[in-house]
Amino acid sequence: MNTPITVILDRKGRNVFAVSSTSSVAAAVVEMNRHRVGSVLIIDHGRLVGIFTERDVLRRVVGVGLDPSQALVADVMTTGVITISSTASIEETMVLFTERRCRHLPVMDGGQLVGTISSGDITRWISEAHRAEAEHLKNYISGGLST
């Protein structure tokens, strides 16, 4: 679990999906659906200013009856974005997801945005690692028992 999250980013890609804070909620949701992701980063003038997630849609838009085509992302996004370093381990990332009760984190490297990581990305990686380990052990046992 000391594996850096860059391993996951290298495997899944470092695409960053973003909209500006002046985008409508509807436009942000279209972007999320188009890329099949649960969040978009909010970037204004090259600076990360927020994140907009499925949870924001449910609580801050649908939950209060806003019209998505009229509401601006700036009014419903999450500010004070928690980020994680590209050198963080998978374990550190899991702890941050749990403690901060979030599912999406922008990944920074030297002050530059280099990707996003989700709890789903971590879950997939752990599942694949366990599957590979089980297969390795199965092969070891099978090979060790043959005469």
Protein backbone atom coordinates (compact mmCIF):
# COMPACT_ATOMS: atom_id res chain seq x y z
CA MET A 1 0.00 0.00 0.00
CA ASN A 2 3.05 2.24 -0.07
CA THR A 3 2.56 2.44 -3.82
CA PRO A 4 2.35 6.09 -4.94
CA ILE A 5 -0.89 7.19 -6.54
CA THR A 6 1.07 8.13 -9.67
CA VAL A 7 0.96 4.41 -10.49
CA ILE A 8 -2.83 4.64 -10.71
CA LEU A 9 -2.69 7.93 -12.64
CA ASP A 10 -0.26 6.41 -15.13
CA ARG A 11 -2.61 3.48 -15.66
CA LYS A 12 -5.93 5.34 -15.88
CA GLY A 13 -4.65 8.52 -17.50
CA ARG A 14 -4.07 12.02 -16.23
CA ASN A 15 -7.04 13.65 -17.89
CA VAL A 16 -8.50 16.55 -15.97
CA PHE A 17 -12.10 17.41 -16.71
CA ALA A 18 -12.93 20.98 -15.83
CA VAL A 19 -15.35 23.84 -16.35
CA SER A 20 -15.25 27.47 -15.30
CA SER A 21 -17.18 28.85 -12.35
CA THR A 22 -19.38 30.81 -14.76
CA SER A 23 -20.66 27.61 -16.39
CA SER A 24 -24.22 26.58 -15.72
CA VAL A 25 -24.85 23.54 -13.56
CA ALA A 26 -26.46 21.90 -16.60
CA ALA A 27 -23.27 22.42 -18.65
CA ALA A 28 -21.14 20.96 -15.85
CA VAL A 29 -23.41 17.91 -15.62
CA VAL A 30 -23.21 17.44 -19.40
CA GLU A 31 -19.40 17.47 -19.09
CA MET A 32 -19.49 14.93 -16.24
CA ASN A 33 -21.83 12.65 -18.20
CA ARG A 34 -19.81 12.99 -21.41
CA HIS A 35 -16.67 11.76 -19.65
CA ARG A 36 -18.52 9.37 -17.32
CA VAL A 37 -16.99 10.92 -14.19
CA GLY A 38 -18.45 11.91 -10.85
CA SER A 39 -16.85 15.34 -10.64
CA VAL A 40 -15.35 18.20 -12.60
CA LEU A 41 -12.76 20.62 -11.35
CA ILE A 42 -13.52 24.31 -11.45
CA ILE A 43 -10.69 26.26 -12.98
CA ASP A 44 -10.70 30.01 -13.46
CA HIS A 45 -7.78 31.78 -15.11
CA GLY A 46 -5.62 28.67 -14.79
CA ARG A 47 -6.27 28.35 -11.04
CA LEU A 48 -8.14 25.58 -9.23
CA VAL A 49 -11.00 27.31 -7.39
CA GLY A 50 -13.40 24.46 -6.65
CA ILE A 51 -14.80 21.06 -7.42
CA PHE A 52 -18.31 20.16 -8.51
CA THR A 53 -19.52 16.65 -7.74
CA GLU A 54 -22.58 14.44 -8.04
CA ARG A 55 -23.17 15.10 -4.34
CA ASP A 56 -23.25 18.85 -5.03
CA VAL A 57 -25.88 18.27 -7.72
CA LEU A 58 -28.07 16.31 -5.32
CA ARG A 59 -27.72 18.50 -2.25
CA ARG A 60 -27.18 21.99 -3.58
CA VAL A 61 -29.18 21.92 -6.82
CA VAL A 62 -31.90 19.26 -6.84
CA GLY A 63 -32.31 19.29 -3.06
CA VAL A 64 -33.14 22.99 -2.99
CA GLY A 65 -35.04 23.12 -6.27
CA LEU A 66 -32.63 25.18 -8.38
CA ASP A 67 -32.98 25.23 -12.14
CA PRO A 68 -29.76 23.60 -13.46
CA SER A 69 -29.89 25.60 -16.67
CA GLN A 70 -29.97 28.89 -14.72
CA ALA A 71 -27.81 28.12 -11.66
CA LEU A 72 -24.10 28.82 -11.93
CA VAL A 73 -21.47 26.37 -10.80
CA ALA A 74 -19.91 29.18 -8.72
CA ASP A 75 -22.99 29.22 -6.50
CA VAL A 76 -23.05 25.48 -5.75
CA MET A 77 -19.49 24.18 -6.09
CA THR A 78 -17.35 23.03 -3.20
CA THR A 79 -14.62 25.55 -2.44
CA GLY A 80 -11.56 25.06 -0.28
CA VAL A 81 -10.66 22.06 -2.36
CA ILE A 82 -8.65 19.33 -0.66
CA THR A 83 -5.79 18.21 -2.88
CA ILE A 84 -3.22 15.46 -2.60
CA SER A 85 0.40 15.28 -3.69
CA SER A 86 1.33 13.00 -6.56
CA THR A 87 3.83 11.34 -4.22
CA ALA A 88 1.13 10.34 -1.71
CA SER A 89 0.70 6.63 -1.19
CA ILE A 90 -2.49 4.74 -1.90
CA GLU A 91 -2.86 4.20 1.86
CA GLU A 92 -2.55 7.94 2.59
CA THR A 93 -5.13 8.63 -0.09
CA MET A 94 -7.54 6.09 1.41
CA VAL A 95 -7.16 7.72 4.83
CA LEU A 96 -7.88 11.15 3.34
CA PHE A 97 -11.00 9.86 1.56
CA THR A 98 -12.25 8.36 4.83
CA GLU A 99 -11.40 11.26 7.14
CA ARG A 100 -12.64 14.00 4.83
CA ARG A 101 -15.64 12.02 3.56
CA CYS A 102 -14.90 12.81 -0.06
CA ARG A 103 -14.65 10.66 -3.18
CA HIS A 104 -12.62 12.81 -5.59
CA LEU A 105 -9.26 14.52 -5.11
CA PRO A 106 -7.25 16.71 -7.46
CA VAL A 107 -3.63 15.55 -7.61
CA MET A 108 -0.92 18.21 -7.48
CA ASP A 109 2.76 18.00 -8.36
CA GLY A 110 4.91 21.03 -7.57
CA GLY A 111 1.89 23.33 -7.53
CA GLN A 112 0.64 21.99 -10.88
CA LEU A 113 -2.56 20.02 -11.36
CA VAL A 114 -1.58 16.62 -12.80
CA GLY A 115 -4.78 14.59 -12.53
CA THR A 116 -7.63 13.47 -10.34
CA ILE A 117 -8.05 10.35 -8.25
CA SER A 118 -11.31 8.87 -7.05
CA SER A 119 -12.21 6.34 -4.39
CA GLY A 120 -13.34 4.12 -7.27
CA ASP A 121 -9.84 4.28 -8.79
CA ILE A 122 -8.37 3.15 -5.46
CA THR A 123 -10.93 0.36 -5.07
CA ARG A 124 -10.21 -0.94 -8.60
CA TRP A 125 -6.46 -0.89 -7.98
CA ILE A 126 -6.78 -2.78 -4.68
CA SER A 127 -9.12 -5.32 -6.24
CA GLU A 128 -6.72 -5.94 -9.14
CA ALA A 129 -3.77 -6.22 -6.73
CA HIS A 130 -5.61 -8.80 -4.62
CA ARG A 131 -6.65 -10.74 -7.71
CA ALA A 132 -3.05 -10.81 -8.98
CA GLU A 133 -1.76 -11.88 -5.57
CA ALA A 134 -4.33 -14.70 -5.35
CA GLU A 135 -3.39 -15.89 -8.84
CA HIS A 136 0.30 -15.79 -7.93
CA LEU A 137 -0.31 -17.82 -4.76
CA LYS A 138 -2.46 -20.30 -6.67
CA ASN A 139 0.30 -20.79 -9.24
CA TYR A 140 2.91 -21.12 -6.51
CA ILE A 141 0.90 -23.75 -4.67
CA SER A 142 0.06 -25.64 -7.85
CA GLY A 143 3.67 -25.56 -9.01
CA GLY A 144 4.96 -26.53 -5.61
CA LEU A 145 2.71 -29.58 -5.42
CA SER A 146 3.37 -31.04 -8.85
CA THR A 147 5.78 -33.96 -9.10
